[in-house]
Amino acid sequence: LLIESFSSSWVYFVMGCTECIRGLLAFVSCPLFGKLSDIIGRRVCLFVTVLGTCAPVCSLALLPVYHPHRMYIFITLLALSGIFSSTFTLTFAYISDTVQKRGDRVTAYGLALATF
């Protein structure tokens, strides 16, 4: 789909720029989501980050197949999903908050690592 939307010589450039923007947004937003989760709660922030991370794939599923700007929307949402990429760190903070016993916490961390 990417090669059909962009010429084959531009696909790597477009994806490289997308991942660069995604990484920069993650670098800026992860500490902000950490502070926000301290204020409004980890569950709400986890829910928002999971929704934001799933948005690019959901756009492919929900937009019509022959939508003229389908891949442009996907690429834009993929780049912007970097804002919501703090799911991993919020999961570990949530485990730290909810699991009291140290031995159980190690097991919970291991299970969380296995899911990612």
C-alpha atoms as a PDB file:
ATOM      1  CA  LEU A   1       0.000   0.000   0.000  1.00  0.00           C
ATOM      2  CA  LEU A   2       2.832   2.376   0.761  1.00  0.00           C
ATOM      3  CA  ILE A   3       4.457   1.777  -2.629  1.00  0.00           C
ATOM      4  CA  GLU A   4       1.125   2.452  -4.343  1.00  0.00           C
ATOM      5  CA  SER A   5       0.673   5.714  -2.427  1.00  0.00           C
ATOM      6  CA  PHE A   6       4.265   6.900  -2.666  1.00  0.00           C
ATOM      7  CA  SER A   7       6.731   6.044  -5.375  1.00  0.00           C
ATOM      8  CA  SER A   8       9.038   3.188  -4.454  1.00  0.00           C
ATOM      9  CA  SER A   9      11.992   5.539  -4.081  1.00  0.00           C
ATOM     10  CA  TRP A  10      10.145   7.713  -1.529  1.00  0.00           C
ATOM     11  CA  VAL A  11       8.789   4.972   0.756  1.00  0.00           C
ATOM     12  CA  TYR A  12      11.949   4.709   2.877  1.00  0.00           C
ATOM     13  CA  PHE A  13      12.249   8.476   3.131  1.00  0.00           C
ATOM     14  CA  VAL A  14       8.602   8.849   4.222  1.00  0.00           C
ATOM     15  CA  MET A  15       8.873   6.048   6.778  1.00  0.00           C
ATOM     16  CA  GLY A  16      12.189   7.415   8.074  1.00  0.00           C
ATOM     17  CA  CYS A  17      10.690  10.871   8.598  1.00  0.00           C
ATOM     18  CA  THR A  18       7.627   9.313  10.222  1.00  0.00           C
ATOM     19  CA  GLU A  19       9.687   7.303  12.695  1.00  0.00           C
ATOM     20  CA  CYS A  20      11.907  10.308  13.428  1.00  0.00           C
ATOM     21  CA  ILE A  21       8.883  12.462  14.279  1.00  0.00           C
ATOM     22  CA  ARG A  22       7.406   9.614  16.300  1.00  0.00           C
ATOM     23  CA  GLY A  23      10.611   9.253  18.320  1.00  0.00           C
ATOM     24  CA  LEU A  24      10.909  12.968  18.994  1.00  0.00           C
ATOM     25  CA  LEU A  25       7.293  13.161  20.131  1.00  0.00           C
ATOM     26  CA  ALA A  26       7.842  10.161  22.418  1.00  0.00           C
ATOM     27  CA  PHE A  27      10.931  11.825  23.885  1.00  0.00           C
ATOM     28  CA  VAL A  28       8.895  14.904  24.765  1.00  0.00           C
ATOM     29  CA  SER A  29       5.630  13.273  25.835  1.00  0.00           C
ATOM     30  CA  CYS A  30       6.768  10.358  28.027  1.00  0.00           C
ATOM     31  CA  PRO A  31       7.768  12.561  30.994  1.00  0.00           C
ATOM     32  CA  LEU A  32       4.577  14.579  30.546  1.00  0.00           C
ATOM     33  CA  PHE A  33       2.419  11.445  30.684  1.00  0.00           C
ATOM     34  CA  GLY A  34       4.338  10.377  33.791  1.00  0.00           C
ATOM     35  CA  LYS A  35       3.483  13.619  35.570  1.00  0.00           C
ATOM     36  CA  LEU A  36      -0.092  13.512  34.277  1.00  0.00           C
ATOM     37  CA  SER A  37      -0.540   9.945  35.533  1.00  0.00           C
ATOM     38  CA  ASP A  38       0.567  11.079  38.993  1.00  0.00           C
ATOM     39  CA  ILE A  39      -2.211  13.671  38.946  1.00  0.00           C
ATOM     40  CA  ILE A  40      -5.187  11.964  37.273  1.00  0.00           C
ATOM     41  CA  GLY A  41      -4.304   8.299  37.744  1.00  0.00           C
ATOM     42  CA  ARG A  42      -2.468   5.574  35.889  1.00  0.00           C
ATOM     43  CA  ARG A  43      -5.529   3.748  34.531  1.00  0.00           C
ATOM     44  CA  VAL A  44      -6.853   6.756  32.643  1.00  0.00           C
ATOM     45  CA  CYS A  45      -3.444   7.511  31.168  1.00  0.00           C
ATOM     46  CA  LEU A  46      -2.920   3.863  30.203  1.00  0.00           C
ATOM     47  CA  PHE A  47      -6.287   3.819  28.463  1.00  0.00           C
ATOM     48  CA  VAL A  48      -5.494   7.004  26.536  1.00  0.00           C
ATOM     49  CA  THR A  49      -2.043   5.784  25.487  1.00  0.00           C
ATOM     50  CA  VAL A  50      -3.382   2.425  24.296  1.00  0.00           C
ATOM     51  CA  LEU A  51      -6.080   4.169  22.236  1.00  0.00           C
ATOM     52  CA  GLY A  52      -3.543   6.564  20.749  1.00  0.00           C
ATOM     53  CA  THR A  53      -1.160   3.749  19.901  1.00  0.00           C
ATOM     54  CA  CYS A  54      -3.921   1.754  18.189  1.00  0.00           C
ATOM     55  CA  ALA A  55      -5.206   4.704  16.145  1.00  0.00           C
ATOM     56  CA  PRO A  56      -3.017   4.167  13.033  1.00  0.00           C
ATOM     57  CA  VAL A  57      -4.011   0.523  12.636  1.00  0.00           C
ATOM     58  CA  CYS A  58      -7.656   1.297  13.347  1.00  0.00           C
ATOM     59  CA  SER A  59      -7.597   3.956  10.642  1.00  0.00           C
ATOM     60  CA  LEU A  60      -6.565   1.311   8.118  1.00  0.00           C
ATOM     61  CA  ALA A  61      -9.401  -0.922   9.250  1.00  0.00           C
ATOM     62  CA  LEU A  62     -12.101   1.749   9.358  1.00  0.00           C
ATOM     63  CA  LEU A  63     -11.352   3.862   6.285  1.00  0.00           C
ATOM     64  CA  PRO A  64     -12.691   2.603   2.961  1.00  0.00           C
ATOM     65  CA  VAL A  65     -10.170   0.641   0.908  1.00  0.00           C
ATOM     66  CA  TYR A  66     -10.211   3.102  -1.957  1.00  0.00           C
ATOM     67  CA  HIS A  67     -10.124   6.272   0.127  1.00  0.00           C
ATOM     68  CA  PRO A  68      -7.780   8.628  -1.772  1.00  0.00           C
ATOM     69  CA  HIS A  69      -5.892   9.787   1.329  1.00  0.00           C
ATOM     70  CA  ARG A  70      -5.886   6.548   3.292  1.00  0.00           C
ATOM     71  CA  MET A  71      -2.112   6.136   3.487  1.00  0.00           C
ATOM     72  CA  TYR A  72      -1.524   9.822   4.208  1.00  0.00           C
ATOM     73  CA  ILE A  73      -3.892   9.563   7.173  1.00  0.00           C
ATOM     74  CA  PHE A  74      -2.124   6.393   8.327  1.00  0.00           C
ATOM     75  CA  ILE A  75       1.337   7.962   8.078  1.00  0.00           C
ATOM     76  CA  THR A  76       0.187  11.081   9.937  1.00  0.00           C
ATOM     77  CA  LEU A  77      -1.438   9.044  12.711  1.00  0.00           C
ATOM     78  CA  LEU A  78       1.627   6.816  12.921  1.00  0.00           C
ATOM     79  CA  ALA A  79       3.857   9.842  13.407  1.00  0.00           C
ATOM     80  CA  LEU A  80       1.502  11.360  15.977  1.00  0.00           C
ATOM     81  CA  SER A  81       1.222   8.062  17.855  1.00  0.00           C
ATOM     82  CA  GLY A  82       4.615   8.881  19.321  1.00  0.00           C
ATOM     83  CA  ILE A  83       2.771  11.147  21.729  1.00  0.00           C
ATOM     84  CA  PHE A  84       1.108   8.063  23.191  1.00  0.00           C
ATOM     85  CA  SER A  85       4.131   5.774  23.316  1.00  0.00           C
ATOM     86  CA  SER A  86       4.532   5.817  27.098  1.00  0.00           C
ATOM     87  CA  THR A  87       2.398   2.707  27.603  1.00  0.00           C
ATOM     88  CA  PHE A  88       5.394   0.609  28.642  1.00  0.00           C
ATOM     89  CA  THR A  89       6.595   2.999  31.352  1.00  0.00           C
ATOM     90  CA  LEU A  90       3.069   3.579  32.661  1.00  0.00           C
ATOM     91  CA  THR A  91       2.548  -0.178  32.906  1.00  0.00           C
ATOM     92  CA  PHE A  92       5.621  -0.527  35.095  1.00  0.00           C
ATOM     93  CA  ALA A  93       4.531   2.392  37.262  1.00  0.00           C
ATOM     94  CA  TYR A  94       1.094   0.807  37.636  1.00  0.00           C
ATOM     95  CA  ILE A  95       2.665  -2.502  38.675  1.00  0.00           C
ATOM     96  CA  SER A  96       4.844  -0.686  41.182  1.00  0.00           C
ATOM     97  CA  ASP A  97       1.789   1.034  42.657  1.00  0.00           C
ATOM     98  CA  THR A  98      -0.491  -1.997  42.875  1.00  0.00           C
ATOM     99  CA  VAL A  99       1.726  -4.986  43.748  1.00  0.00           C
ATOM    100  CA  GLN A 100       2.826  -4.693  47.358  1.00  0.00           C
ATOM    101  CA  LYS A 101       5.047  -7.745  47.972  1.00  0.00           C
ATOM    102  CA  ARG A 102       8.511  -7.562  46.443  1.00  0.00           C
ATOM    103  CA  GLY A 103       8.552 -11.173  45.210  1.00  0.00           C
ATOM    104  CA  ASP A 104       5.191 -10.776  43.529  1.00  0.00           C
ATOM    105  CA  ARG A 105       6.343  -7.532  41.943  1.00  0.00           C
ATOM    106  CA  VAL A 106       9.231  -9.299  40.212  1.00  0.00           C
ATOM    107  CA  THR A 107       6.788 -11.843  38.787  1.00  0.00           C
ATOM    108  CA  ALA A 108       4.451  -9.074  37.639  1.00  0.00           C
ATOM    109  CA  TYR A 109       7.327  -7.260  35.924  1.00  0.00           C
ATOM    110  CA  GLY A 110       8.275 -10.481  34.161  1.00  0.00           C
ATOM    111  CA  LEU A 111       4.725 -11.013  32.930  1.00  0.00           C
ATOM    112  CA  ALA A 112       4.566  -7.415  31.703  1.00  0.00           C
ATOM    113  CA  LEU A 113       7.854  -7.831  29.834  1.00  0.00           C
ATOM    114  CA  ALA A 114       6.546 -11.017  28.246  1.00  0.00           C
ATOM    115  CA  THR A 115       3.502  -9.178  26.864  1.00  0.00           C
ATOM    116  CA  PHE A 116       5.546  -6.403  25.284  1.00  0.00           C
END
